[in-house]
Amino acid sequence: MSKRGFGDGRWCVVGDFNAVRRREERRGVGQMGQSPSSLETREFNLFLEGLNLEDLCP
C-alpha cells in the first residue's frame, strides 16, 4: 500500500477488520466455536504495525 499522492498528514482508518489484536477482545465464539489463534492475532498486529497504524481503543 502507498499513501503517495494523498498528502503527508495524519490519517484516520476506521472499519471492521474482522480481526482482533488480543484474544480478550473477541466476544462470543469464532468460527466452529474456536477463539482466534495466536497466529491470527500476531498477523493482524504485524499488519497494523507495517502500516504504522495505532489502535486507539486499548
C-alpha atoms as a PDB file:
ATOM      1  CA  MET A   1       0.000   0.000   0.000  1.00  0.00           C
ATOM      2  CA  SER A   2       1.095   3.521  -0.610  1.00  0.00           C
ATOM      3  CA  LYS A   3      -0.083   6.927   0.561  1.00  0.00           C
ATOM      4  CA  ARG A   4       1.662   8.536  -2.402  1.00  0.00           C
ATOM      5  CA  GLY A   5      -0.420  11.368  -3.809  1.00  0.00           C
ATOM      6  CA  PHE A   6      -2.653  11.602  -0.752  1.00  0.00           C
ATOM      7  CA  GLY A   7      -0.604  14.041   1.303  1.00  0.00           C
ATOM      8  CA  ASP A   8       1.625  13.688   4.328  1.00  0.00           C
ATOM      9  CA  GLY A   9      -0.938  14.489   7.012  1.00  0.00           C
ATOM     10  CA  ARG A  10      -2.379  12.129   9.581  1.00  0.00           C
ATOM     11  CA  TRP A  11      -4.990   9.624   8.550  1.00  0.00           C
ATOM     12  CA  CYS A  12      -7.868   8.035  10.405  1.00  0.00           C
ATOM     13  CA  VAL A  13      -8.687   4.490   9.299  1.00  0.00           C
ATOM     14  CA  VAL A  14     -11.927   3.022  10.609  1.00  0.00           C
ATOM     15  CA  GLY A  15     -13.776  -0.154   9.878  1.00  0.00           C
ATOM     16  CA  ASP A  16     -14.465  -3.705  10.846  1.00  0.00           C
ATOM     17  CA  PHE A  17     -11.379  -5.746  10.046  1.00  0.00           C
ATOM     18  CA  ASN A  18     -12.947  -8.995  11.338  1.00  0.00           C
ATOM     19  CA  ALA A  19      -9.769  -9.487  13.339  1.00  0.00           C
ATOM     20  CA  VAL A  20      -8.672  -8.771  16.892  1.00  0.00           C
ATOM     21  CA  ARG A  21      -5.370  -7.642  18.373  1.00  0.00           C
ATOM     22  CA  ARG A  22      -5.820  -9.703  21.547  1.00  0.00           C
ATOM     23  CA  ARG A  23      -7.897 -12.805  22.210  1.00  0.00           C
ATOM     24  CA  GLU A  24      -9.710 -10.998  25.038  1.00  0.00           C
ATOM     25  CA  GLU A  25     -11.264  -8.609  22.513  1.00  0.00           C
ATOM     26  CA  ARG A  26     -13.351 -11.343  20.875  1.00  0.00           C
ATOM     27  CA  ARG A  27     -16.871 -11.648  22.202  1.00  0.00           C
ATOM     28  CA  GLY A  28     -18.747 -14.885  21.746  1.00  0.00           C
ATOM     29  CA  VAL A  29     -17.103 -17.630  19.745  1.00  0.00           C
ATOM     30  CA  GLY A  30     -15.310 -17.682  16.453  1.00  0.00           C
ATOM     31  CA  GLN A  31     -15.818 -19.968  13.511  1.00  0.00           C
ATOM     32  CA  MET A  32     -16.563 -23.551  14.584  1.00  0.00           C
ATOM     33  CA  GLY A  33     -16.560 -22.473  18.244  1.00  0.00           C
ATOM     34  CA  GLN A  34     -12.859 -21.595  18.286  1.00  0.00           C
ATOM     35  CA  SER A  35     -11.337 -18.419  19.620  1.00  0.00           C
ATOM     36  CA  PRO A  36      -8.779 -16.618  17.430  1.00  0.00           C
ATOM     37  CA  SER A  37      -5.397 -18.297  17.305  1.00  0.00           C
ATOM     38  CA  SER A  38      -2.205 -16.583  18.376  1.00  0.00           C
ATOM     39  CA  LEU A  39      -1.107 -16.759  14.708  1.00  0.00           C
ATOM     40  CA  GLU A  40      -4.190 -14.791  13.625  1.00  0.00           C
ATOM     41  CA  THR A  41      -3.681 -12.122  16.259  1.00  0.00           C
ATOM     42  CA  ARG A  42       0.060 -11.907  15.529  1.00  0.00           C
ATOM     43  CA  GLU A  43      -0.563 -11.496  11.782  1.00  0.00           C
ATOM     44  CA  PHE A  44      -3.120  -8.750  12.391  1.00  0.00           C
ATOM     45  CA  ASN A  45      -0.742  -6.917  14.734  1.00  0.00           C
ATOM     46  CA  LEU A  46       2.029  -7.158  12.118  1.00  0.00           C
ATOM     47  CA  PHE A  47      -0.382  -5.789   9.503  1.00  0.00           C
ATOM     48  CA  LEU A  48      -1.190  -2.781  11.702  1.00  0.00           C
ATOM     49  CA  GLU A  49       2.472  -2.178  12.549  1.00  0.00           C
ATOM     50  CA  GLY A  50       3.506  -2.450   8.891  1.00  0.00           C
ATOM     51  CA  LEU A  51       1.156   0.399   8.015  1.00  0.00           C
ATOM     52  CA  ASN A  52       2.116   2.410  11.109  1.00  0.00           C
ATOM     53  CA  LEU A  53      -1.477   2.253  12.362  1.00  0.00           C
ATOM     54  CA  GLU A  54      -2.359   2.660  16.029  1.00  0.00           C
ATOM     55  CA  ASP A  55      -5.292   1.155  17.878  1.00  0.00           C
ATOM     56  CA  LEU A  56      -6.979   3.985  19.771  1.00  0.00           C
ATOM     57  CA  CYS A  57      -9.042   1.633  21.944  1.00  0.00           C
ATOM     58  CA  PRO A  58      -6.791  -0.088  24.481  1.00  0.00           C
END
